[in-house]
Amino acid sequence: MSKNSKAEQRTHRQQIPTKIIVERHYVGTEKMETVFKRIAEEQITKKVREIAENSVN
């Protein structure tokens, strides 16, 4: 085999890039994005209250 034939074999082994399609999902009638934002806001508010209470004491 010559070097050229080996190079040609290598080019055939390369994988084609895969496209990933992400779809929005729902929890009940709400988008997951909305649910996650609400959970994050609740956790942030809770943490801020804890910090405020600790700084007062």
Protein backbone atom coordinates (compact mmCIF):
# COMPACT_ATOMS: atom_id res chain seq x y z
CA MET A 1 0.00 0.00 0.00
CA SER A 2 1.18 3.43 -0.76
CA LYS A 3 0.85 6.41 1.60
CA ASN A 4 -1.94 7.87 -0.52
CA SER A 5 -4.21 4.84 -0.13
CA LYS A 6 -3.78 4.93 3.68
CA ALA A 7 -4.69 8.60 3.75
CA GLU A 8 -7.81 7.89 1.71
CA GLN A 9 -8.89 5.16 4.14
CA ARG A 10 -8.53 7.55 7.07
CA THR A 11 -10.75 10.15 5.46
CA HIS A 12 -13.57 7.60 5.09
CA ARG A 13 -13.53 6.80 8.83
CA GLN A 14 -14.31 10.33 9.98
CA GLN A 15 -17.74 10.72 11.50
CA ILE A 16 -20.22 13.26 10.24
CA PRO A 17 -21.08 15.86 12.92
CA THR A 18 -24.36 15.11 14.67
CA LYS A 19 -26.95 17.83 15.12
CA ILE A 20 -28.80 17.79 18.42
CA ILE A 21 -32.28 19.26 18.43
CA VAL A 22 -33.56 20.38 21.81
CA GLU A 23 -37.30 20.67 22.25
CA ARG A 24 -39.01 22.56 25.02
CA HIS A 25 -40.80 20.35 27.49
CA TYR A 26 -43.74 21.17 29.67
CA VAL A 27 -44.73 20.39 33.26
CA GLY A 28 -48.47 20.32 33.12
CA THR A 29 -49.30 23.41 31.11
CA GLU A 30 -46.14 25.35 32.03
CA LYS A 31 -42.84 25.37 30.20
CA MET A 32 -39.93 23.75 32.05
CA GLU A 33 -38.05 27.03 31.68
CA THR A 34 -40.74 28.83 33.69
CA VAL A 35 -40.73 26.12 36.35
CA PHE A 36 -36.93 26.24 36.70
CA LYS A 37 -36.95 30.04 36.91
CA ARG A 38 -39.57 29.94 39.68
CA ILE A 39 -37.60 27.32 41.65
CA ALA A 40 -34.39 29.35 41.27
CA GLU A 41 -36.13 32.55 42.41
CA GLU A 42 -37.56 30.77 45.45
CA GLN A 43 -34.16 29.38 46.41
CA ILE A 44 -32.48 32.76 45.97
CA THR A 45 -35.16 34.50 48.05
CA LYS A 46 -34.81 31.87 50.78
CA LYS A 47 -31.02 32.25 50.86
CA VAL A 48 -31.25 36.07 50.98
CA ARG A 49 -33.68 35.85 53.93
CA GLU A 50 -31.33 33.47 55.77
CA ILE A 51 -28.38 35.80 55.22
CA ALA A 52 -30.46 38.80 56.35
CA GLU A 53 -31.58 36.98 59.52
CA ASN A 54 -28.03 35.93 60.33
CA SER A 55 -26.69 39.44 59.88
CA VAL A 56 -29.34 40.85 62.26
CA ASN A 57 -28.36 38.31 64.97
